[in-house]
Amino acid sequence: MEDFTGLWQAEALARKYGSDLQGVTPRNRARRSLERLAEDGLIVVYVCRGVPTDETCDRVGLEELPKVFDMGISWIAPEEGGIGIWYDTNDDGFDAYRKATDWQ
């Protein structure tokens, strides 16, 4: 639900909360989750240079996601001013979150 979350952060959460899944790496768990959320139209994935803002980011199309997710560098936090892969919840995703958490 935060603005612009890095892929590496999703992998860290999958590592923290997904230890019960035998044979599935945290990165693969994060990837599957993000792919589903993007396919369902709940998040958007971006390539950003430097600090992510609307001006520094380009949207990644669904057809390009597999290629972006396959690149190991996509899952590493960028150095200052570097290129990073981020995702953001869109309006539909925020609405789904509000419904799921009964947030009025």
PDB file of N, CA and C in Angstrom:
ATOM      1  N   MET A   1       0.804  -1.190   0.000  1.00  0.00           N
ATOM      2  CA  MET A   1       0.000   0.000   0.000  1.00  0.00           C
ATOM      3  C   MET A   1       0.852   1.260   0.000  1.00  0.00           C
ATOM      4  N   GLU A   2       2.134   1.124   0.286  1.00  0.00           N
ATOM      5  CA  GLU A   2       3.017   2.280   0.276  1.00  0.00           C
ATOM      6  C   GLU A   2       3.251   2.741  -1.161  1.00  0.00           C
ATOM      7  N   ASP A   3       3.742   3.953  -1.287  1.00  0.00           N
ATOM      8  CA  ASP A   3       4.160   4.422  -2.601  1.00  0.00           C
ATOM      9  C   ASP A   3       5.464   3.736  -2.969  1.00  0.00           C
ATOM     10  N   PHE A   4       5.560   3.258  -4.186  1.00  0.00           N
ATOM     11  CA  PHE A   4       6.784   2.719  -4.764  1.00  0.00           C
ATOM     12  C   PHE A   4       7.584   1.835  -3.791  1.00  0.00           C
ATOM     13  N   THR A   5       7.323   0.573  -3.846  1.00  0.00           N
ATOM     14  CA  THR A   5       8.035  -0.421  -3.046  1.00  0.00           C
ATOM     15  C   THR A   5       8.976  -1.185  -3.967  1.00  0.00           C
ATOM     16  N   GLY A   6      10.204  -1.408  -3.532  1.00  0.00           N
ATOM     17  CA  GLY A   6      11.182  -2.121  -4.345  1.00  0.00           C
ATOM     18  C   GLY A   6      10.937  -3.616  -4.343  1.00  0.00           C
ATOM     19  N   LEU A   7      11.270  -4.282  -5.456  1.00  0.00           N
ATOM     20  CA  LEU A   7      11.110  -5.733  -5.535  1.00  0.00           C
ATOM     21  C   LEU A   7      11.873  -6.437  -4.427  1.00  0.00           C
ATOM     22  N   TRP A   8      13.053  -5.921  -4.088  1.00  0.00           N
ATOM     23  CA  TRP A   8      13.862  -6.529  -3.029  1.00  0.00           C
ATOM     24  C   TRP A   8      13.131  -6.517  -1.686  1.00  0.00           C
ATOM     25  N   GLN A   9      12.245  -5.537  -1.485  1.00  0.00           N
ATOM     26  CA  GLN A   9      11.468  -5.489  -0.249  1.00  0.00           C
ATOM     27  C   GLN A   9      10.414  -6.593  -0.230  1.00  0.00           C
ATOM     28  N   ALA A  10       9.821  -6.880  -1.385  1.00  0.00           N
ATOM     29  CA  ALA A  10       8.850  -7.980  -1.471  1.00  0.00           C
ATOM     30  C   ALA A  10       9.546  -9.315  -1.210  1.00  0.00           C
ATOM     31  N   GLU A  11      10.758  -9.461  -1.732  1.00  0.00           N
ATOM     32  CA  GLU A  11      11.520 -10.686  -1.493  1.00  0.00           C
ATOM     33  C   GLU A  11      11.859 -10.834  -0.006  1.00  0.00           C
ATOM     34  N   ALA A  12      12.216  -9.733   0.641  1.00  0.00           N
ATOM     35  CA  ALA A  12      12.533  -9.784   2.080  1.00  0.00           C
ATOM     36  C   ALA A  12      11.308 -10.187   2.892  1.00  0.00           C
ATOM     37  N   LEU A  13      10.142  -9.678   2.529  1.00  0.00           N
ATOM     38  CA  LEU A  13       8.908 -10.072   3.228  1.00  0.00           C
ATOM     39  C   LEU A  13       8.588 -11.540   2.990  1.00  0.00           C
ATOM     40  N   ALA A  14       8.794 -12.006   1.773  1.00  0.00           N
ATOM     41  CA  ALA A  14       8.560 -13.425   1.471  1.00  0.00           C
ATOM     42  C   ALA A  14       9.514 -14.306   2.259  1.00  0.00           C
ATOM     43  N   ARG A  15      10.722 -13.841   2.458  1.00  0.00           N
ATOM     44  CA  ARG A  15      11.701 -14.589   3.254  1.00  0.00           C
ATOM     45  C   ARG A  15      11.237 -14.643   4.717  1.00  0.00           C
ATOM     46  N   LYS A  16      10.739 -13.529   5.204  1.00  0.00           N
ATOM     47  CA  LYS A  16      10.321 -13.440   6.605  1.00  0.00           C
ATOM     48  C   LYS A  16       9.065 -14.260   6.887  1.00  0.00           C
ATOM     49  N   TYR A  17       8.105 -14.223   5.972  1.00  0.00           N
ATOM     50  CA  TYR A  17       6.802 -14.843   6.237  1.00  0.00           C
ATOM     51  C   TYR A  17       6.543 -16.114   5.449  1.00  0.00           C
ATOM     52  N   GLY A  18       7.479 -16.576   4.637  1.00  0.00           N
ATOM     53  CA  GLY A  18       7.223 -17.724   3.785  1.00  0.00           C
ATOM     54  C   GLY A  18       8.090 -18.927   4.054  1.00  0.00           C
ATOM     55  N   SER A  19       8.596 -19.054   5.252  1.00  0.00           N
ATOM     56  CA  SER A  19       9.531 -20.144   5.538  1.00  0.00           C
ATOM     57  C   SER A  19       8.859 -21.518   5.524  1.00  0.00           C
ATOM     58  N   ASP A  20       7.540 -21.562   5.540  1.00  0.00           N
ATOM     59  CA  ASP A  20       6.826 -22.839   5.571  1.00  0.00           C
ATOM     60  C   ASP A  20       6.636 -23.448   4.183  1.00  0.00           C
ATOM     61  N   LEU A  21       7.055 -22.763   3.142  1.00  0.00           N
ATOM     62  CA  LEU A  21       6.867 -23.244   1.776  1.00  0.00           C
ATOM     63  C   LEU A  21       8.121 -23.977   1.307  1.00  0.00           C
ATOM     64  N   GLN A  22       8.095 -25.274   1.382  1.00  0.00           N
ATOM     65  CA  GLN A  22       9.245 -26.086   0.983  1.00  0.00           C
ATOM     66  C   GLN A  22       9.439 -26.016  -0.536  1.00  0.00           C
ATOM     67  N   GLY A  23      10.675 -25.808  -0.954  1.00  0.00           N
ATOM     68  CA  GLY A  23      11.002 -25.827  -2.369  1.00  0.00           C
ATOM     69  C   GLY A  23      10.684 -24.550  -3.126  1.00  0.00           C
ATOM     70  N   VAL A  24      10.174 -23.527  -2.451  1.00  0.00           N
ATOM     71  CA  VAL A  24       9.870 -22.257  -3.107  1.00  0.00           C
ATOM     72  C   VAL A  24      10.771 -21.191  -2.481  1.00  0.00           C
ATOM     73  N   THR A  25      11.613 -20.587  -3.288  1.00  0.00           N
ATOM     74  CA  THR A  25      12.514 -19.564  -2.763  1.00  0.00           C
ATOM     75  C   THR A  25      11.717 -18.290  -2.470  1.00  0.00           C
ATOM     76  N   PRO A  26      12.223 -17.471  -1.569  1.00  0.00           N
ATOM     77  CA  PRO A  26      11.543 -16.209  -1.295  1.00  0.00           C
ATOM     78  C   PRO A  26      11.371 -15.351  -2.552  1.00  0.00           C
ATOM     79  N   ARG A  27      12.364 -15.344  -3.415  1.00  0.00           N
ATOM     80  CA  ARG A  27      12.246 -14.553  -4.638  1.00  0.00           C
ATOM     81  C   ARG A  27      11.124 -15.087  -5.527  1.00  0.00           C
ATOM     82  N   ASN A  28      11.038 -16.402  -5.669  1.00  0.00           N
ATOM     83  CA  ASN A  28       9.964 -16.974  -6.488  1.00  0.00           C
ATOM     84  C   ASN A  28       8.592 -16.725  -5.883  1.00  0.00           C
ATOM     85  N   ARG A  29       8.504 -16.782  -4.568  1.00  0.00           N
ATOM     86  CA  ARG A  29       7.227 -16.495  -3.912  1.00  0.00           C
ATOM     87  C   ARG A  29       6.835 -15.040  -4.143  1.00  0.00           C
ATOM     88  N   ALA A  30       7.788 -14.121  -3.976  1.00  0.00           N
ATOM     89  CA  ALA A  30       7.521 -12.705  -4.218  1.00  0.00           C
ATOM     90  C   ALA A  30       7.147 -12.482  -5.678  1.00  0.00           C
ATOM     91  N   ARG A  31       7.873 -13.104  -6.577  1.00  0.00           N
ATOM     92  CA  ARG A  31       7.601 -12.943  -8.004  1.00  0.00           C
ATOM     93  C   ARG A  31       6.202 -13.404  -8.357  1.00  0.00           C
ATOM     94  N   ARG A  32       5.828 -14.595  -7.898  1.00  0.00           N
ATOM     95  CA  ARG A  32       4.486 -15.116  -8.192  1.00  0.00           C
ATOM     96  C   ARG A  32       3.406 -14.185  -7.667  1.00  0.00           C
ATOM     97  N   SER A  33       3.604 -13.701  -6.468  1.00  0.00           N
ATOM     98  CA  SER A  33       2.612 -12.793  -5.872  1.00  0.00           C
ATOM     99  C   SER A  33       2.499 -11.502  -6.669  1.00  0.00           C
ATOM    100  N   LEU A  34       3.644 -10.911  -7.011  1.00  0.00           N
ATOM    101  CA  LEU A  34       3.629  -9.658  -7.761  1.00  0.00           C
ATOM    102  C   LEU A  34       3.055  -9.847  -9.161  1.00  0.00           C
ATOM    103  N   GLU A  35       3.385 -10.965  -9.802  1.00  0.00           N
ATOM    104  CA  GLU A  35       2.821 -11.238 -11.129  1.00  0.00           C
ATOM    105  C   GLU A  35       1.300 -11.314 -11.056  1.00  0.00           C
ATOM    106  N   ARG A  36       0.789 -12.021 -10.050  1.00  0.00           N
ATOM    107  CA  ARG A  36      -0.672 -12.146  -9.908  1.00  0.00           C
ATOM    108  C   ARG A  36      -1.322 -10.790  -9.642  1.00  0.00           C
ATOM    109  N   LEU A  37      -0.717 -10.019  -8.774  1.00  0.00           N
ATOM    110  CA  LEU A  37      -1.275  -8.698  -8.476  1.00  0.00           C
ATOM    111  C   LEU A  37      -1.273  -7.805  -9.713  1.00  0.00           C
ATOM    112  N   ALA A  38      -0.204  -7.862 -10.500  1.00  0.00           N
ATOM    113  CA  ALA A  38      -0.136  -7.068 -11.735  1.00  0.00           C
ATOM    114  C   ALA A  38      -1.155  -7.560 -12.758  1.00  0.00           C
ATOM    115  N   GLU A  39      -1.253  -8.870 -12.927  1.00  0.00           N
ATOM    116  CA  GLU A  39      -2.214  -9.436 -13.884  1.00  0.00           C
ATOM    117  C   GLU A  39      -3.648  -9.109 -13.487  1.00  0.00           C
ATOM    118  N   ASP A  40      -3.913  -9.051 -12.187  1.00  0.00           N
ATOM    119  CA  ASP A  40      -5.252  -8.718 -11.694  1.00  0.00           C
ATOM    120  C   ASP A  40      -5.521  -7.218 -11.716  1.00  0.00           C
ATOM    121  N   GLY A  41      -4.525  -6.444 -12.131  1.00  0.00           N
ATOM    122  CA  GLY A  41      -4.697  -4.995 -12.240  1.00  0.00           C
ATOM    123  C   GLY A  41      -4.690  -4.272 -10.906  1.00  0.00           C
ATOM    124  N   LEU A  42      -3.983  -4.817  -9.911  1.00  0.00           N
ATOM    125  CA  LEU A  42      -3.967  -4.218  -8.576  1.00  0.00           C
ATOM    126  C   LEU A  42      -2.681  -3.449  -8.270  1.00  0.00           C
ATOM    127  N   ILE A  43      -1.604  -3.761  -9.003  1.00  0.00           N
ATOM    128  CA  ILE A  43      -0.348  -3.016  -8.865  1.00  0.00           C
ATOM    129  C   ILE A  43       0.190  -2.700 -10.258  1.00  0.00           C
ATOM    130  N   VAL A  44       1.129  -1.777 -10.285  1.00  0.00           N
ATOM    131  CA  VAL A  44       1.856  -1.428 -11.502  1.00  0.00           C
ATOM    132  C   VAL A  44       3.339  -1.530 -11.170  1.00  0.00           C
ATOM    133  N   VAL A  45       4.127  -2.110 -12.072  1.00  0.00           N
ATOM    134  CA  VAL A  45       5.573  -2.244 -11.894  1.00  0.00           C
ATOM    135  C   VAL A  45       6.255  -1.171 -12.742  1.00  0.00           C
ATOM    136  N   TYR A  46       7.302  -0.592 -12.182  1.00  0.00           N
ATOM    137  CA  TYR A  46       8.012   0.505 -12.837  1.00  0.00           C
ATOM    138  C   TYR A  46       9.520   0.272 -12.856  1.00  0.00           C
ATOM    139  N   VAL A  47      10.177   0.834 -13.864  1.00  0.00           N
ATOM    140  CA  VAL A  47      11.623   0.995 -13.895  1.00  0.00           C
ATOM    141  C   VAL A  47      11.863   2.464 -13.576  1.00  0.00           C
ATOM    142  N   CYS A  48      12.651   2.720 -12.520  1.00  0.00           N
ATOM    143  CA  CYS A  48      12.866   4.099 -12.074  1.00  0.00           C
ATOM    144  C   CYS A  48      14.353   4.418 -12.001  1.00  0.00           C
ATOM    145  N   ARG A  49      14.676   5.644 -12.331  1.00  0.00           N
ATOM    146  CA  ARG A  49      16.051   6.128 -12.187  1.00  0.00           C
ATOM    147  C   ARG A  49      16.075   7.062 -10.984  1.00  0.00           C
ATOM    148  N   GLY A  50      16.906   6.711  -9.998  1.00  0.00           N
ATOM    149  CA  GLY A  50      16.991   7.525  -8.789  1.00  0.00           C
ATOM    150  C   GLY A  50      15.765   7.323  -7.911  1.00  0.00           C
ATOM    151  N   VAL A  51      15.428   8.358  -7.183  1.00  0.00           N
ATOM    152  CA  VAL A  51      14.269   8.315  -6.283  1.00  0.00           C
ATOM    153  C   VAL A  51      13.005   8.183  -7.130  1.00  0.00           C
ATOM    154  N   PRO A  52      12.164   7.173  -6.827  1.00  0.00           N
ATOM    155  CA  PRO A  52      10.978   6.987  -7.652  1.00  0.00           C
ATOM    156  C   PRO A  52       9.947   8.100  -7.480  1.00  0.00           C
ATOM    157  N   THR A  53       9.620   8.712  -8.595  1.00  0.00           N
ATOM    158  CA  THR A  53       8.550   9.706  -8.667  1.00  0.00           C
ATOM    159  C   THR A  53       7.845   9.481  -9.998  1.00  0.00           C
ATOM    160  N   ASP A  54       6.748  10.168 -10.196  1.00  0.00           N
ATOM    161  CA  ASP A  54       6.053  10.048 -11.479  1.00  0.00           C
ATOM    162  C   ASP A  54       6.941  10.477 -12.639  1.00  0.00           C
ATOM    163  N   GLU A  55       7.879  11.372 -12.380  1.00  0.00           N
ATOM    164  CA  GLU A  55       8.753  11.884 -13.438  1.00  0.00           C
ATOM    165  C   GLU A  55       9.949  10.977 -13.718  1.00  0.00           C
ATOM    166  N   THR A  56      10.358  10.144 -12.764  1.00  0.00           N
ATOM    167  CA  THR A  56      11.579   9.342 -12.936  1.00  0.00           C
ATOM    168  C   THR A  56      11.288   7.877 -13.246  1.00  0.00           C
ATOM    169  N   CYS A  57      10.009   7.530 -13.391  1.00  0.00           N
ATOM    170  CA  CYS A  57       9.638   6.125 -13.567  1.00  0.00           C
ATOM    171  C   CYS A  57       8.898   5.881 -14.871  1.00  0.00           C
ATOM    172  N   ASP A  58       9.156   4.722 -15.459  1.00  0.00           N
ATOM    173  CA  ASP A  58       8.448   4.260 -16.651  1.00  0.00           C
ATOM    174  C   ASP A  58       7.736   2.961 -16.309  1.00  0.00           C
ATOM    175  N   ARG A  59       6.497   2.874 -16.705  1.00  0.00           N
ATOM    176  CA  ARG A  59       5.675   1.695 -16.428  1.00  0.00           C
ATOM    177  C   ARG A  59       6.175   0.494 -17.230  1.00  0.00           C
ATOM    178  N   VAL A  60       6.171  -0.669 -16.592  1.00  0.00           N
ATOM    179  CA  VAL A  60       6.529  -1.923 -17.258  1.00  0.00           C
ATOM    180  C   VAL A  60       5.227  -2.600 -17.669  1.00  0.00           C
ATOM    181  N   GLY A  61       5.085  -2.911 -18.946  1.00  0.00           N
ATOM    182  CA  GLY A  61       3.886  -3.582 -19.432  1.00  0.00           C
ATOM    183  C   GLY A  61       3.844  -5.039 -18.973  1.00  0.00           C
ATOM    184  N   LEU A  62       2.657  -5.611 -18.926  1.00  0.00           N
ATOM    185  CA  LEU A  62       2.499  -7.002 -18.494  1.00  0.00           C
ATOM    186  C   LEU A  62       3.338  -7.957 -19.334  1.00  0.00           C
ATOM    187  N   GLU A  63       3.458  -7.697 -20.620  1.00  0.00           N
ATOM    188  CA  GLU A  63       4.225  -8.581 -21.496  1.00  0.00           C
ATOM    189  C   GLU A  63       5.726  -8.513 -21.203  1.00  0.00           C
ATOM    190  N   GLU A  64       6.175  -7.428 -20.579  1.00  0.00           N
ATOM    191  CA  GLU A  64       7.593  -7.258 -20.257  1.00  0.00           C
ATOM    192  C   GLU A  64       7.946  -7.765 -18.858  1.00  0.00           C
ATOM    193  N   LEU A  65       6.938  -8.029 -18.022  1.00  0.00           N
ATOM    194  CA  LEU A  65       7.206  -8.432 -16.638  1.00  0.00           C
ATOM    195  C   LEU A  65       8.115  -9.650 -16.514  1.00  0.00           C
ATOM    196  N   PRO A  66       7.867 -10.740 -17.251  1.00  0.00           N
ATOM    197  CA  PRO A  66       8.739 -11.902 -17.080  1.00  0.00           C
ATOM    198  C   PRO A  66      10.218 -11.574 -17.301  1.00  0.00           C
ATOM    199  N   LYS A  67      10.513 -10.790 -18.322  1.00  0.00           N
ATOM    200  CA  LYS A  67      11.900 -10.422 -18.611  1.00  0.00           C
ATOM    201  C   LYS A  67      12.492  -9.595 -17.475  1.00  0.00           C
ATOM    202  N   VAL A  68      11.732  -8.638 -16.971  1.00  0.00           N
ATOM    203  CA  VAL A  68      12.203  -7.787 -15.877  1.00  0.00           C
ATOM    204  C   VAL A  68      12.402  -8.610 -14.610  1.00  0.00           C
ATOM    205  N   PHE A  69      11.454  -9.504 -14.311  1.00  0.00           N
ATOM    206  CA  PHE A  69      11.559 -10.326 -13.107  1.00  0.00           C
ATOM    207  C   PHE A  69      12.676 -11.365 -13.215  1.00  0.00           C
ATOM    208  N   ASP A  70      13.048 -11.767 -14.423  1.00  0.00           N
ATOM    209  CA  ASP A  70      14.133 -12.735 -14.619  1.00  0.00           C
ATOM    210  C   ASP A  70      15.505 -12.141 -14.331  1.00  0.00           C
ATOM    211  N   MET A  71      15.641 -10.845 -14.457  1.00  0.00           N
ATOM    212  CA  MET A  71      16.941 -10.198 -14.265  1.00  0.00           C
ATOM    213  C   MET A  71      17.245 -10.102 -12.767  1.00  0.00           C
ATOM    214  N   GLY A  72      18.317 -10.733 -12.344  1.00  0.00           N
ATOM    215  CA  GLY A  72      18.704 -10.712 -10.936  1.00  0.00           C
ATOM    216  C   GLY A  72      18.873  -9.309 -10.382  1.00  0.00           C
ATOM    217  N   ILE A  73      19.330  -8.402 -11.214  1.00  0.00           N
ATOM    218  CA  ILE A  73      19.558  -7.019 -10.780  1.00  0.00           C
ATOM    219  C   ILE A  73      18.249  -6.338 -10.374  1.00  0.00           C
ATOM    220  N   SER A  74      17.131  -6.826 -10.888  1.00  0.00           N
ATOM    221  CA  SER A  74      15.826  -6.243 -10.548  1.00  0.00           C
ATOM    222  C   SER A  74      15.496  -6.402  -9.076  1.00  0.00           C
ATOM    223  N   TRP A  75      16.101  -7.393  -8.435  1.00  0.00           N
ATOM    224  CA  TRP A  75      15.787  -7.735  -7.052  1.00  0.00           C
ATOM    225  C   TRP A  75      16.794  -7.164  -6.060  1.00  0.00           C
ATOM    226  N   ILE A  76      17.624  -6.254  -6.528  1.00  0.00           N
ATOM    227  CA  ILE A  76      18.653  -5.639  -5.687  1.00  0.00           C
ATOM    228  C   ILE A  76      18.367  -4.142  -5.586  1.00  0.00           C
ATOM    229  N   ALA A  77      18.461  -3.605  -4.379  1.00  0.00           N
ATOM    230  CA  ALA A  77      18.254  -2.164  -4.187  1.00  0.00           C
ATOM    231  C   ALA A  77      19.290  -1.390  -4.995  1.00  0.00           C
ATOM    232  N   PRO A  78      18.854  -0.380  -5.733  1.00  0.00           N
ATOM    233  CA  PRO A  78      19.808   0.382  -6.545  1.00  0.00           C
ATOM    234  C   PRO A  78      20.668   1.294  -5.689  1.00  0.00           C
ATOM    235  N   GLU A  79      21.831   1.594  -6.209  1.00  0.00           N
ATOM    236  CA  GLU A  79      22.671   2.595  -5.563  1.00  0.00           C
ATOM    237  C   GLU A  79      22.043   3.960  -5.822  1.00  0.00           C
ATOM    238  N   GLU A  80      22.456   4.948  -5.063  1.00  0.00           N
ATOM    239  CA  GLU A  80      21.901   6.286  -5.201  1.00  0.00           C
ATOM    240  C   GLU A  80      21.986   6.759  -6.655  1.00  0.00           C
ATOM    241  N   GLY A  81      20.856   7.143  -7.196  1.00  0.00           N
ATOM    242  CA  GLY A  81      20.786   7.608  -8.571  1.00  0.00           C
ATOM    243  C   GLY A  81      20.710   6.501  -9.596  1.00  0.00           C
ATOM    244  N   GLY A  82      20.784   5.239  -9.157  1.00  0.00           N
ATOM    245  CA  GLY A  82      20.762   4.099 -10.069  1.00  0.00           C
ATOM    246  C   GLY A  82      19.354   3.705 -10.486  1.00  0.00           C
ATOM    247  N   ILE A  83      19.298   2.734 -11.360  1.00  0.00           N
ATOM    248  CA  ILE A  83      18.014   2.229 -11.863  1.00  0.00           C
ATOM    249  C   ILE A  83      17.536   1.109 -10.953  1.00  0.00           C
ATOM    250  N   GLY A  84      16.267   1.181 -10.570  1.00  0.00           N
ATOM    251  CA  GLY A  84      15.664   0.158  -9.724  1.00  0.00           C
ATOM    252  C   GLY A  84      14.292  -0.231 -10.242  1.00  0.00           C
ATOM    253  N   ILE A  85      13.836  -1.398  -9.822  1.00  0.00           N
ATOM    254  CA  ILE A  85      12.512  -1.880 -10.205  1.00  0.00           C
ATOM    255  C   ILE A  85      11.610  -1.767  -8.982  1.00  0.00           C
ATOM    256  N   TRP A  86      10.526  -1.067  -9.147  1.00  0.00           N
ATOM    257  CA  TRP A  86       9.611  -0.756  -8.058  1.00  0.00           C
ATOM    258  C   TRP A  86       8.189  -1.117  -8.473  1.00  0.00           C
ATOM    259  N   TYR A  87       7.310  -1.257  -7.504  1.00  0.00           N
ATOM    260  CA  TYR A  87       5.891  -1.418  -7.807  1.00  0.00           C
ATOM    261  C   TYR A  87       5.088  -0.495  -6.913  1.00  0.00           C
ATOM    262  N   ASP A  88       3.875  -0.235  -7.341  1.00  0.00           N
ATOM    263  CA  ASP A  88       2.993   0.670  -6.615  1.00  0.00           C
ATOM    264  C   ASP A  88       1.566   0.157  -6.738  1.00  0.00           C
ATOM    265  N   THR A  89       0.811   0.330  -5.693  1.00  0.00           N
ATOM    266  CA  THR A  89      -0.604  -0.019  -5.721  1.00  0.00           C
ATOM    267  C   THR A  89      -1.343   1.039  -6.518  1.00  0.00           C
ATOM    268  N   ASN A  90      -2.202   0.599  -7.440  1.00  0.00           N
ATOM    269  CA  ASN A  90      -3.017   1.556  -8.178  1.00  0.00           C
ATOM    270  C   ASN A  90      -4.352   1.742  -7.445  1.00  0.00           C
ATOM    271  N   ASP A  91      -5.254   2.515  -8.031  1.00  0.00           N
ATOM    272  CA  ASP A  91      -6.536   2.796  -7.370  1.00  0.00           C
ATOM    273  C   ASP A  91      -7.336   1.527  -7.113  1.00  0.00           C
ATOM    274  N   ASP A  92      -7.360   0.607  -8.092  1.00  0.00           N
ATOM    275  CA  ASP A  92      -8.086  -0.650  -7.890  1.00  0.00           C
ATOM    276  C   ASP A  92      -7.459  -1.478  -6.771  1.00  0.00           C
ATOM    277  N   GLY A  93      -6.143  -1.474  -6.709  1.00  0.00           N
ATOM    278  CA  GLY A  93      -5.446  -2.201  -5.649  1.00  0.00           C
ATOM    279  C   GLY A  93      -5.731  -1.601  -4.279  1.00  0.00           C
ATOM    280  N   PHE A  94      -5.761  -0.278  -4.208  1.00  0.00           N
ATOM    281  CA  PHE A  94      -6.063   0.382  -2.941  1.00  0.00           C
ATOM    282  C   PHE A  94      -7.493   0.077  -2.507  1.00  0.00           C
ATOM    283  N   ASP A  95      -8.423   0.095  -3.463  1.00  0.00           N
ATOM    284  CA  ASP A  95      -9.818  -0.254  -3.144  1.00  0.00           C
ATOM    285  C   ASP A  95      -9.923  -1.691  -2.649  1.00  0.00           C
ATOM    286  N   ALA A  96      -9.199  -2.609  -3.290  1.00  0.00           N
ATOM    287  CA  ALA A  96      -9.217  -4.016  -2.858  1.00  0.00           C
ATOM    288  C   ALA A  96      -8.643  -4.150  -1.450  1.00  0.00           C
ATOM    289  N   TYR A  97      -7.589  -3.414  -1.161  1.00  0.00           N
ATOM    290  CA  TYR A  97      -6.991  -3.436   0.175  1.00  0.00           C
ATOM    291  C   TYR A  97      -7.994  -2.932   1.205  1.00  0.00           C
ATOM    292  N   ARG A  98      -8.658  -1.841   0.882  1.00  0.00           N
ATOM    293  CA  ARG A  98      -9.650  -1.286   1.819  1.00  0.00           C
ATOM    294  C   ARG A  98     -10.774  -2.275   2.084  1.00  0.00           C
ATOM    295  N   LYS A  99     -11.231  -2.959   1.061  1.00  0.00           N
ATOM    296  CA  LYS A  99     -12.297  -3.939   1.241  1.00  0.00           C
ATOM    297  C   LYS A  99     -11.808  -5.136   2.064  1.00  0.00           C
ATOM    298  N   ALA A 100     -10.604  -5.598   1.783  1.00  0.00           N
ATOM    299  CA  ALA A 100     -10.062  -6.761   2.482  1.00  0.00           C
ATOM    300  C   ALA A 100      -9.815  -6.487   3.972  1.00  0.00           C
ATOM    301  N   THR A 101      -9.500  -5.235   4.297  1.00  0.00           N
ATOM    302  CA  THR A 101      -9.206  -4.887   5.680  1.00  0.00           C
ATOM    303  C   THR A 101     -10.368  -4.185   6.371  1.00  0.00           C
ATOM    304  N   ASP A 102     -11.479  -4.049   5.644  1.00  0.00           N
ATOM    305  CA  ASP A 102     -12.683  -3.373   6.169  1.00  0.00           C
ATOM    306  C   ASP A 102     -12.362  -1.948   6.621  1.00  0.00           C
ATOM    307  N   TRP A 103     -11.474  -1.304   5.864  1.00  0.00           N
ATOM    308  CA  TRP A 103     -11.072   0.059   6.135  1.00  0.00           C
ATOM    309  C   TRP A 103     -12.063   1.000   5.451  1.00  0.00           C
ATOM    310  N   GLN A 104     -12.702   1.803   6.217  1.00  0.00           N
ATOM    311  CA  GLN A 104     -13.726   2.717   5.661  1.00  0.00           C
ATOM    312  C   GLN A 104     -13.113   3.993   5.231  1.00  0.00           C
TER     313      GLN A 104
END
